[in-house]
Amino acid sequence: MTTTDPESEKTREDRDAVVRSAVADAIFDAVGTLSLLGFSLLFLAVGVRGLLIDGSTGLAVASLAVSIAVAGAAFELVPPFRD
C-alpha cells in the first residue's frame, strides 16, 4: 500500500521513530538487568566464599545482603538506585 499523501508519510516516520526508541529502551533495560544480575552473582560468590573459607564473617554476610539487594533491584522488588 503506497500513498503519496505527505501527511501519512509524516505519521509513519513519527511512528517508526517511536518504535525505534522503544526498542532501544528495551535493549538497554535488558542489558541493565543482566548487568545487575551479574553483579549480584559476584557478590553472592564472594559472600559464600567468605562463609565457607576462613574469612571475615561480617564481610561475608554484608556481601550476601548486597547480593540480595542488587538482585531485588534487578527485578524491581526494591526502589531503584536512580530515577
Protein backbone atom coordinates (compact mmCIF):
# COMPACT_ATOMS: atom_id res chain seq x y z
CA MET A 1 0.00 0.00 0.00
CA THR A 2 1.71 3.12 -1.26
CA THR A 3 0.36 6.57 -0.61
CA THR A 4 1.55 9.89 -1.90
CA ASP A 5 -0.08 11.87 0.87
CA PRO A 6 2.71 13.76 2.69
CA GLU A 7 0.71 13.79 5.94
CA SER A 8 0.54 9.97 6.13
CA GLU A 9 4.27 9.73 5.43
CA LYS A 10 5.00 12.05 8.34
CA THR A 11 2.81 9.93 10.58
CA ARG A 12 4.67 6.81 9.53
CA GLU A 13 8.05 8.44 10.21
CA ASP A 14 6.85 9.50 13.66
CA ARG A 15 5.60 6.00 14.38
CA ASP A 16 8.89 4.49 13.20
CA ALA A 17 10.82 6.86 15.46
CA VAL A 18 8.69 5.87 18.44
CA VAL A 19 9.20 2.17 17.68
CA ARG A 20 12.99 2.64 17.35
CA SER A 21 13.07 4.50 20.65
CA ALA A 22 11.02 1.80 22.39
CA VAL A 23 13.26 -0.97 21.05
CA ALA A 24 16.39 0.88 22.16
CA ASP A 25 14.92 1.38 25.65
CA ALA A 26 14.01 -2.30 25.85
CA ILE A 27 17.53 -3.35 24.85
CA PHE A 28 19.11 -1.02 27.41
CA ASP A 29 16.75 -2.32 30.10
CA ALA A 30 17.64 -5.91 29.28
CA VAL A 31 21.38 -5.17 29.35
CA GLY A 32 20.96 -3.32 32.65
CA THR A 33 19.04 -6.19 34.21
CA LEU A 34 21.64 -8.72 33.10
CA SER A 35 24.41 -6.49 34.47
CA LEU A 36 22.70 -6.20 37.84
CA LEU A 37 22.21 -9.96 37.97
CA GLY A 38 25.89 -10.45 37.11
CA PHE A 39 26.93 -8.16 39.96
CA SER A 40 24.52 -9.99 42.24
CA LEU A 41 26.15 -13.32 41.36
CA LEU A 42 29.56 -11.80 42.01
CA PHE A 43 28.54 -10.58 45.48
CA LEU A 44 26.90 -13.95 46.15
CA ALA A 45 30.10 -15.80 45.24
CA VAL A 46 32.18 -13.52 47.44
CA GLY A 47 29.76 -13.97 50.34
CA VAL A 48 29.59 -17.75 50.06
CA ARG A 49 33.35 -17.98 49.69
CA GLY A 50 33.77 -15.81 52.78
CA LEU A 51 31.47 -18.07 54.79
CA LEU A 52 32.96 -21.36 53.61
CA ILE A 53 36.61 -20.40 53.63
CA ASP A 54 38.04 -18.97 56.82
CA GLY A 55 37.26 -15.33 56.15
CA SER A 56 35.57 -12.38 57.72
CA THR A 57 32.04 -13.44 58.65
CA GLY A 58 30.81 -9.85 58.84
CA LEU A 59 32.09 -9.05 55.37
CA ALA A 60 30.59 -12.28 54.01
CA VAL A 61 27.16 -11.55 55.48
CA ALA A 62 27.32 -7.96 54.18
CA SER A 63 28.22 -9.27 50.74
CA LEU A 64 25.27 -11.67 50.81
CA ALA A 65 22.95 -8.81 51.85
CA VAL A 66 24.23 -6.65 49.00
CA SER A 67 23.71 -9.57 46.63
CA ILE A 68 20.07 -9.87 47.68
CA ALA A 69 19.56 -6.10 47.38
CA VAL A 70 21.08 -5.95 43.89
CA ALA A 71 19.04 -8.95 42.69
CA GLY A 72 15.92 -7.31 44.12
CA ALA A 73 16.74 -4.11 42.26
CA ALA A 74 17.18 -6.09 39.04
CA PHE A 75 13.67 -7.49 39.39
CA GLU A 76 12.29 -4.13 40.61
CA LEU A 77 11.39 -5.51 44.05
CA VAL A 78 13.19 -2.69 45.86
CA PRO A 79 13.17 1.02 45.00
CA PRO A 80 15.57 1.81 42.13
CA PHE A 81 19.03 3.20 42.78
CA ARG A 82 18.37 6.03 40.33
CA ASP A 83 15.38 7.92 38.92
